[in-house]
Amino acid sequence: MHLDGDESHGEPENLAYGCRSCNARLAHAFKRIGAGVRTRQYNPSSGVPTFGQYMWAVTHHTRKSRDEGGAIIHATPKSKRIEYAQRIADIKRSRRDAVPF
C-alpha cells in the first residue's frame, strides 16, 4: 500500500505491506480527509457487446485461435455471457420443441 495514498509515488519509503482490510481502511481514511489520489479503474468505452454480436462471435470463433469472435467473447462480462448462454439455450430448446415428428 502507498502511505501517502498516491500510487504514482512508488518510492520504497512510501510503500508498506498491508492486508486487504488495512488497505481499504487507509483508502477510506484518505477519502474522508480529502488526501491521496483515488484509483483509476479501466472501464472500456466500447460498451458491452449486444446479444447479436455475441451470437455472431460464438458461431464464428474457433477455439484457441486469436480471432475477432474470441475478442468479442472475452470483451463480454461474465454475467452477460451467462445471460446470453441462457438465451441461446432457450432458442435451441424452442426450435427442438417446434420440430414435429
N, C-alpha and C. Protein backbone atom coordinates (compact mmCIF):
# COMPACT_ATOMS: atom_id res chain seq x y z
N MET A 1 0.84 -1.17 0.00
CA MET A 1 0.00 0.00 0.00
C MET A 1 0.89 1.24 0.00
N HIS A 2 0.34 2.33 -0.48
CA HIS A 2 1.07 3.59 -0.55
C HIS A 2 0.70 4.44 0.66
N LEU A 3 1.69 4.82 1.43
CA LEU A 3 1.44 5.51 2.69
C LEU A 3 0.85 6.91 2.52
N ASP A 4 1.14 7.56 1.37
CA ASP A 4 0.57 8.88 1.17
C ASP A 4 -0.71 8.83 0.33
N GLY A 5 -1.12 7.63 -0.09
CA GLY A 5 -2.37 7.47 -0.82
C GLY A 5 -2.27 7.75 -2.31
N ASP A 6 -1.07 7.96 -2.84
CA ASP A 6 -0.88 8.26 -4.26
C ASP A 6 -0.05 7.16 -4.90
N GLU A 7 -0.67 6.39 -5.82
CA GLU A 7 0.00 5.27 -6.45
C GLU A 7 1.16 5.68 -7.34
N SER A 8 1.20 6.92 -7.76
CA SER A 8 2.30 7.35 -8.62
C SER A 8 3.60 7.53 -7.84
N HIS A 9 3.52 7.58 -6.52
CA HIS A 9 4.73 7.68 -5.69
C HIS A 9 5.15 6.28 -5.27
N GLY A 10 6.02 5.66 -6.06
CA GLY A 10 6.42 4.29 -5.80
C GLY A 10 7.75 4.14 -5.09
N GLU A 11 8.23 5.20 -4.44
CA GLU A 11 9.50 5.11 -3.72
C GLU A 11 9.37 4.12 -2.56
N PRO A 12 10.45 3.40 -2.26
CA PRO A 12 10.39 2.39 -1.19
C PRO A 12 9.93 2.95 0.16
N GLU A 13 10.29 4.19 0.48
CA GLU A 13 9.87 4.74 1.78
C GLU A 13 8.37 5.07 1.83
N ASN A 14 7.71 5.08 0.66
CA ASN A 14 6.27 5.36 0.60
C ASN A 14 5.45 4.07 0.56
N LEU A 15 6.11 2.91 0.50
CA LEU A 15 5.41 1.63 0.38
C LEU A 15 5.44 0.87 1.69
N ALA A 16 4.36 0.17 1.96
CA ALA A 16 4.28 -0.68 3.15
C ALA A 16 3.41 -1.88 2.82
N TYR A 17 3.62 -2.98 3.52
CA TYR A 17 2.79 -4.15 3.35
C TYR A 17 1.57 -4.04 4.23
N GLY A 18 0.43 -4.44 3.68
CA GLY A 18 -0.80 -4.41 4.46
C GLY A 18 -1.80 -5.37 3.85
N CYS A 19 -2.66 -5.90 4.67
CA CYS A 19 -3.70 -6.79 4.17
C CYS A 19 -4.76 -5.98 3.42
N ARG A 20 -5.65 -6.66 2.78
CA ARG A 20 -6.70 -6.00 2.01
C ARG A 20 -7.56 -5.11 2.90
N SER A 21 -7.88 -5.60 4.08
CA SER A 21 -8.70 -4.84 5.01
C SER A 21 -8.01 -3.54 5.43
N CYS A 22 -6.71 -3.65 5.75
CA CYS A 22 -5.96 -2.45 6.17
C CYS A 22 -5.86 -1.45 5.02
N ASN A 23 -5.65 -1.96 3.82
CA ASN A 23 -5.56 -1.09 2.66
C ASN A 23 -6.89 -0.35 2.43
N ALA A 24 -8.00 -1.06 2.59
CA ALA A 24 -9.31 -0.44 2.42
C ALA A 24 -9.55 0.62 3.49
N ARG A 25 -9.17 0.34 4.72
CA ARG A 25 -9.34 1.32 5.80
C ARG A 25 -8.52 2.57 5.53
N LEU A 26 -7.30 2.38 5.06
CA LEU A 26 -6.45 3.51 4.74
C LEU A 26 -7.06 4.34 3.60
N ALA A 27 -7.59 3.66 2.59
CA ALA A 27 -8.21 4.35 1.46
C ALA A 27 -9.42 5.17 1.93
N HIS A 28 -10.23 4.59 2.82
CA HIS A 28 -11.40 5.32 3.35
C HIS A 28 -10.98 6.52 4.19
N ALA A 29 -9.91 6.35 4.94
CA ALA A 29 -9.42 7.46 5.75
C ALA A 29 -8.92 8.60 4.86
N PHE A 30 -8.17 8.26 3.80
CA PHE A 30 -7.70 9.28 2.86
C PHE A 30 -8.88 9.99 2.19
N LYS A 31 -9.91 9.24 1.82
CA LYS A 31 -11.08 9.85 1.19
C LYS A 31 -11.77 10.80 2.17
N ARG A 32 -11.91 10.37 3.42
CA ARG A 32 -12.59 11.17 4.43
C ARG A 32 -11.89 12.52 4.64
N ILE A 33 -10.55 12.51 4.65
CA ILE A 33 -9.83 13.77 4.89
C ILE A 33 -9.47 14.50 3.61
N GLY A 34 -9.82 13.90 2.46
CA GLY A 34 -9.56 14.56 1.18
C GLY A 34 -8.12 14.48 0.72
N ALA A 35 -7.38 13.49 1.18
CA ALA A 35 -5.98 13.33 0.78
C ALA A 35 -5.84 12.15 -0.17
N GLY A 36 -4.70 12.04 -0.79
CA GLY A 36 -4.43 10.91 -1.68
C GLY A 36 -5.11 11.07 -3.02
N VAL A 37 -4.93 10.07 -3.85
CA VAL A 37 -5.50 10.05 -5.19
C VAL A 37 -6.27 8.75 -5.35
N ARG A 38 -7.52 8.83 -5.77
CA ARG A 38 -8.34 7.63 -5.95
C ARG A 38 -7.80 6.79 -7.10
N THR A 39 -7.96 5.49 -7.01
CA THR A 39 -7.51 4.58 -8.05
C THR A 39 -8.34 4.79 -9.30
N ARG A 40 -7.68 4.82 -10.43
CA ARG A 40 -8.38 4.96 -11.71
C ARG A 40 -8.57 3.57 -12.30
N GLN A 41 -9.81 3.17 -12.42
CA GLN A 41 -10.10 1.84 -12.95
C GLN A 41 -10.25 1.91 -14.46
N TYR A 42 -9.88 0.82 -15.11
CA TYR A 42 -10.03 0.73 -16.56
C TYR A 42 -11.45 0.28 -16.88
N ASN A 43 -12.19 1.12 -17.54
CA ASN A 43 -13.53 0.78 -17.99
C ASN A 43 -13.59 1.02 -19.49
N PRO A 44 -13.65 -0.04 -20.27
CA PRO A 44 -13.66 0.14 -21.73
C PRO A 44 -14.84 1.00 -22.17
N SER A 45 -14.60 1.86 -23.12
CA SER A 45 -15.65 2.77 -23.57
C SER A 45 -16.54 2.16 -24.65
N SER A 46 -16.11 1.03 -25.21
CA SER A 46 -16.89 0.44 -26.31
C SER A 46 -18.19 -0.18 -25.83
N GLY A 47 -18.32 -0.43 -24.55
CA GLY A 47 -19.55 -0.98 -24.02
C GLY A 47 -19.61 -2.49 -24.13
N VAL A 48 -20.71 -3.04 -23.68
CA VAL A 48 -20.91 -4.48 -23.67
C VAL A 48 -21.44 -4.91 -25.03
N PRO A 49 -20.88 -5.97 -25.62
CA PRO A 49 -21.41 -6.46 -26.89
C PRO A 49 -22.88 -6.85 -26.77
N THR A 50 -23.63 -6.59 -27.82
CA THR A 50 -25.05 -6.94 -27.82
C THR A 50 -25.21 -8.44 -27.99
N PHE A 51 -26.44 -8.91 -27.82
CA PHE A 51 -26.72 -10.33 -27.99
C PHE A 51 -26.42 -10.77 -29.42
N GLY A 52 -26.76 -9.95 -30.39
CA GLY A 52 -26.48 -10.27 -31.79
C GLY A 52 -24.98 -10.38 -32.07
N GLN A 53 -24.21 -9.45 -31.53
CA GLN A 53 -22.76 -9.51 -31.70
C GLN A 53 -22.19 -10.76 -31.03
N TYR A 54 -22.71 -11.09 -29.85
CA TYR A 54 -22.24 -12.27 -29.13
C TYR A 54 -22.58 -13.54 -29.91
N MET A 55 -23.79 -13.61 -30.46
CA MET A 55 -24.19 -14.77 -31.26
C MET A 55 -23.26 -14.94 -32.46
N TRP A 56 -22.96 -13.83 -33.14
CA TRP A 56 -22.04 -13.89 -34.28
C TRP A 56 -20.69 -14.43 -33.82
N ALA A 57 -20.20 -13.92 -32.70
CA ALA A 57 -18.88 -14.32 -32.19
C ALA A 57 -18.86 -15.81 -31.85
N VAL A 58 -19.92 -16.30 -31.21
CA VAL A 58 -19.97 -17.71 -30.82
C VAL A 58 -19.99 -18.61 -32.05
N THR A 59 -20.68 -18.21 -33.08
CA THR A 59 -20.78 -19.05 -34.28
C THR A 59 -19.53 -18.97 -35.16
N HIS A 60 -18.75 -17.92 -35.06
CA HIS A 60 -17.58 -17.76 -35.92
C HIS A 60 -16.24 -17.98 -35.23
N HIS A 61 -16.25 -18.15 -33.91
CA HIS A 61 -15.00 -18.30 -33.17
C HIS A 61 -14.49 -19.74 -33.25
N THR A 62 -13.18 -19.88 -33.43
CA THR A 62 -12.52 -21.17 -33.39
C THR A 62 -11.70 -21.24 -32.11
N ARG A 63 -11.86 -22.31 -31.36
CA ARG A 63 -11.15 -22.44 -30.08
C ARG A 63 -9.65 -22.30 -30.26
N LYS A 64 -9.03 -21.66 -29.28
CA LYS A 64 -7.59 -21.45 -29.20
C LYS A 64 -7.02 -20.64 -30.36
N SER A 65 -7.88 -19.91 -31.05
CA SER A 65 -7.39 -19.01 -32.08
C SER A 65 -7.67 -17.58 -31.64
N ARG A 66 -6.82 -16.69 -32.02
CA ARG A 66 -6.98 -15.29 -31.63
C ARG A 66 -7.71 -14.55 -32.76
N ASP A 67 -9.01 -14.80 -32.82
CA ASP A 67 -9.80 -14.20 -33.88
C ASP A 67 -10.76 -13.16 -33.32
N GLU A 68 -11.51 -12.53 -34.20
CA GLU A 68 -12.43 -11.47 -33.79
C GLU A 68 -13.55 -11.99 -32.89
N GLY A 69 -14.00 -13.22 -33.16
CA GLY A 69 -15.04 -13.81 -32.33
C GLY A 69 -14.58 -13.98 -30.89
N GLY A 70 -13.35 -14.43 -30.71
CA GLY A 70 -12.80 -14.59 -29.37
C GLY A 70 -12.67 -13.26 -28.65
N ALA A 71 -12.30 -12.22 -29.40
CA ALA A 71 -12.17 -10.89 -28.79
C ALA A 71 -13.52 -10.40 -28.28
N ILE A 72 -14.58 -10.64 -29.03
CA ILE A 72 -15.92 -10.22 -28.61
C ILE A 72 -16.36 -11.02 -27.38
N ILE A 73 -16.10 -12.32 -27.40
CA ILE A 73 -16.49 -13.17 -26.27
C ILE A 73 -15.77 -12.70 -25.00
N HIS A 74 -14.47 -12.43 -25.11
CA HIS A 74 -13.71 -12.02 -23.94
C HIS A 74 -14.04 -10.59 -23.50
N ALA A 75 -14.58 -9.77 -24.40
CA ALA A 75 -14.97 -8.41 -24.03
C ALA A 75 -16.32 -8.39 -23.32
N THR A 76 -17.03 -9.51 -23.36
CA THR A 76 -18.34 -9.60 -22.72
C THR A 76 -18.16 -10.00 -21.26
N PRO A 77 -18.70 -9.23 -20.32
CA PRO A 77 -18.58 -9.59 -18.90
C PRO A 77 -19.20 -10.96 -18.61
N LYS A 78 -18.68 -11.63 -17.60
CA LYS A 78 -19.13 -12.98 -17.28
C LYS A 78 -20.64 -13.04 -17.03
N SER A 79 -21.18 -12.05 -16.35
CA SER A 79 -22.62 -12.06 -16.07
C SER A 79 -23.44 -12.00 -17.35
N LYS A 80 -22.96 -11.22 -18.33
CA LYS A 80 -23.66 -11.14 -19.62
C LYS A 80 -23.48 -12.42 -20.42
N ARG A 81 -22.28 -13.05 -20.34
CA ARG A 81 -22.07 -14.31 -21.06
C ARG A 81 -23.04 -15.37 -20.55
N ILE A 82 -23.26 -15.40 -19.23
CA ILE A 82 -24.21 -16.36 -18.65
C ILE A 82 -25.62 -16.06 -19.15
N GLU A 83 -25.99 -14.79 -19.13
CA GLU A 83 -27.32 -14.40 -19.62
C GLU A 83 -27.51 -14.78 -21.09
N TYR A 84 -26.50 -14.47 -21.91
CA TYR A 84 -26.58 -14.79 -23.34
C TYR A 84 -26.61 -16.29 -23.57
N ALA A 85 -25.85 -17.07 -22.81
CA ALA A 85 -25.86 -18.52 -22.95
C ALA A 85 -27.23 -19.09 -22.62
N GLN A 86 -27.90 -18.53 -21.62
CA GLN A 86 -29.25 -18.98 -21.28
C GLN A 86 -30.22 -18.65 -22.40
N ARG A 87 -30.07 -17.47 -23.01
CA ARG A 87 -30.94 -17.11 -24.14
C ARG A 87 -30.71 -18.03 -25.33
N ILE A 88 -29.44 -18.38 -25.59
CA ILE A 88 -29.13 -19.30 -26.69
C ILE A 88 -29.75 -20.67 -26.41
N ALA A 89 -29.64 -21.15 -25.18
CA ALA A 89 -30.23 -22.44 -24.80
C ALA A 89 -31.75 -22.40 -24.96
N ASP A 90 -32.39 -21.29 -24.61
CA ASP A 90 -33.84 -21.16 -24.77
C ASP A 90 -34.22 -21.21 -26.25
N ILE A 91 -33.44 -20.54 -27.09
CA ILE A 91 -33.71 -20.55 -28.54
C ILE A 91 -33.58 -21.97 -29.07
N LYS A 92 -32.51 -22.68 -28.70
CA LYS A 92 -32.32 -24.05 -29.16
C LYS A 92 -33.45 -24.96 -28.67
N ARG A 93 -33.86 -24.76 -27.43
CA ARG A 93 -34.93 -25.57 -26.86
C ARG A 93 -36.24 -25.33 -27.60
N SER A 94 -36.54 -24.09 -27.91
CA SER A 94 -37.80 -23.78 -28.61
C SER A 94 -37.78 -24.34 -30.04
N ARG A 95 -36.63 -24.33 -30.68
CA ARG A 95 -36.51 -24.90 -32.03
C ARG A 95 -36.67 -26.41 -31.99
N ARG A 96 -36.08 -27.05 -30.97
CA ARG A 96 -36.17 -28.50 -30.82
C ARG A 96 -37.62 -28.92 -30.57
N ASP A 97 -38.32 -28.16 -29.74
CA ASP A 97 -39.70 -28.49 -29.40
C ASP A 97 -40.66 -28.22 -30.54
N ALA A 98 -40.30 -27.34 -31.47
CA ALA A 98 -41.17 -26.97 -32.57
C ALA A 98 -41.12 -27.96 -33.73
N VAL A 99 -40.12 -28.85 -33.75
CA VAL A 99 -39.98 -29.80 -34.86
C VAL A 99 -40.96 -30.96 -34.66
N PRO A 100 -41.88 -31.15 -35.62
CA PRO A 100 -42.83 -32.26 -35.50
C PRO A 100 -42.17 -33.59 -35.90
N PHE A 101 -42.62 -34.66 -35.29
CA PHE A 101 -42.07 -36.00 -35.60
C PHE A 101 -42.95 -36.72 -36.54
